[in-house]
C-alpha atoms as a PDB file:
ATOM      1  CA  MET A   1      18.940 -27.793  -6.273  1.00  0.00           C
ATOM      2  CA  ASP A   2      16.983 -27.669  -9.485  1.00  0.00           C
ATOM      3  CA  ILE A   3      14.003 -25.751 -10.740  1.00  0.00           C
ATOM      4  CA  GLY A   4      11.660 -28.610  -9.784  1.00  0.00           C
ATOM      5  CA  GLU A   5      12.761 -28.738  -6.148  1.00  0.00           C
ATOM      6  CA  VAL A   6      12.261 -24.935  -6.037  1.00  0.00           C
ATOM      7  CA  TYR A   7       8.863 -25.177  -7.568  1.00  0.00           C
ATOM      8  CA  HIS A   8       7.856 -28.012  -5.230  1.00  0.00           C
ATOM      9  CA  PHE A   9       8.945 -26.037  -2.129  1.00  0.00           C
ATOM     10  CA  LEU A  10       7.369 -22.873  -2.961  1.00  0.00           C
ATOM     11  CA  PHE A  11       4.119 -24.258  -4.349  1.00  0.00           C
ATOM     12  CA  GLU A  12       3.499 -27.507  -2.739  1.00  0.00           C
ATOM     13  CA  THR A  13       4.665 -27.080   0.942  1.00  0.00           C
ATOM     14  CA  MET A  14       3.217 -24.798   3.631  1.00  0.00           C
ATOM     15  CA  PRO A  15       6.625 -23.042   4.489  1.00  0.00           C
ATOM     16  CA  GLY A  16       6.997 -22.223   0.892  1.00  0.00           C
ATOM     17  CA  ILE A  17       3.553 -20.882   0.489  1.00  0.00           C
ATOM     18  CA  GLY A  18       4.449 -18.883   3.577  1.00  0.00           C
ATOM     19  CA  VAL A  19       7.411 -17.490   1.794  1.00  0.00           C
ATOM     20  CA  LEU A  20       5.416 -16.512  -1.201  1.00  0.00           C
ATOM     21  CA  VAL A  21       2.888 -14.593   0.976  1.00  0.00           C
ATOM     22  CA  GLY A  22       5.560 -13.032   3.017  1.00  0.00           C
ATOM     23  CA  ALA A  23       7.511 -12.015   0.068  1.00  0.00           C
ATOM     24  CA  GLY A  24       4.166 -10.561  -1.630  1.00  0.00           C
ATOM     25  CA  ALA A  25       3.398  -8.609   1.555  1.00  0.00           C
ATOM     26  CA  VAL A  26       6.914  -7.273   1.847  1.00  0.00           C
ATOM     27  CA  ILE A  27       6.940  -6.240  -1.863  1.00  0.00           C
ATOM     28  CA  SER A  28       3.462  -4.427  -1.330  1.00  0.00           C
ATOM     29  CA  ILE A  29       4.660  -2.616   1.636  1.00  0.00           C
ATOM     30  CA  ILE A  30       7.665  -1.364  -0.280  1.00  0.00           C
ATOM     31  CA  VAL A  31       5.777  -0.162  -3.336  1.00  0.00           C
ATOM     32  CA  CYS A  32       3.210   1.523  -1.037  1.00  0.00           C
ATOM     33  CA  PHE A  33       5.937   3.316   0.985  1.00  0.00           C
ATOM     34  CA  ILE A  34       7.522   4.486  -2.476  1.00  0.00           C
ATOM     35  CA  LEU A  35       4.481   5.710  -3.856  1.00  0.00           C
ATOM     36  CA  GLU A  36       3.349   7.505  -0.593  1.00  0.00           C
ATOM     37  CA  ARG A  37       6.773   9.447  -0.703  1.00  0.00           C
ATOM     38  CA  LYS A  38       6.654  10.138  -4.329  1.00  0.00           C
ATOM     39  CA  THR A  39       2.977  11.663  -3.795  1.00  0.00           C
ATOM     40  CA  ARG A  40       3.974  13.732  -0.720  1.00  0.00           C
ATOM     41  CA  LYS A  41       6.863  15.006  -2.476  1.00  0.00           C
ATOM     42  CA  GLN A  42       4.724  16.102  -5.565  1.00  0.00           C
ATOM     43  CA  PHE A  43       2.158  17.977  -3.387  1.00  0.00           C
ATOM     44  CA  ARG A  44       4.336  19.351  -0.717  1.00  0.00           C
ATOM     45  CA  ASN A  45       3.617  23.045  -1.623  1.00  0.00           C
ATOM     46  CA  HIS A  46      -0.039  22.651  -2.642  1.00  0.00           C
ATOM     47  CA  ALA A  47      -2.115  25.255  -1.307  1.00  0.00           C
ATOM     48  CA  LYS A  48      -5.791  24.125  -0.432  1.00  0.00           C
ATOM     49  CA  THR A  49      -8.516  25.626  -2.577  1.00  0.00           C
ATOM     50  CA  GLU A  50     -12.236  25.398  -2.473  1.00  0.00           C
ATOM     51  CA  ASP A  51     -12.179  22.700  -5.354  1.00  0.00           C
ATOM     52  CA  ASP A  52     -10.175  20.366  -3.127  1.00  0.00           C
ATOM     53  CA  TRP A  53     -12.048  17.700  -1.385  1.00  0.00           C
ATOM     54  CA  SER A  54     -11.092  15.317   1.517  1.00  0.00           C
ATOM     55  CA  LEU A  55     -12.700  11.856   2.106  1.00  0.00           C
ATOM     56  CA  PHE A  56     -12.753  12.378   5.757  1.00  0.00           C
ATOM     57  CA  ASP A  57     -13.137  16.064   6.353  1.00  0.00           C
ATOM     58  CA  ASP A  58     -16.979  16.330   5.153  1.00  0.00           C
ATOM     59  CA  ASP A  59     -18.257  14.514   8.235  1.00  0.00           C
ATOM     60  CA  ASP A  60     -16.634  17.219  10.477  1.00  0.00           C
ATOM     61  CA  GLU A  61     -18.247  20.181   8.489  1.00  0.00           C
ATOM     62  CA  GLU A  62     -21.697  18.555   8.925  1.00  0.00           C
ATOM     63  CA  GLU A  63     -21.250  18.021  12.835  1.00  0.00           C
ATOM     64  CA  ASN A  64     -20.262  21.798  13.052  1.00  0.00           C
ATOM     65  CA  GLU A  65     -23.288  22.959  11.262  1.00  0.00           C
ATOM     66  CA  LEU A  66     -25.716  21.150  13.595  1.00  0.00           C
END
């Protein structure tokens, strides 16, 4: 199997394109998992202060004020 056959399979056939899409999805999930673990480890002992903000908690505070 030479490079031309691999190129033809990956870029010119439906199963090859499926392999590329699947590999891209798997790599993206692995990178997201690694970055999430790194972030959680970095902020494990972070105490919440008034300067901290949350994208999802703002709506709850407005509902409680009404």
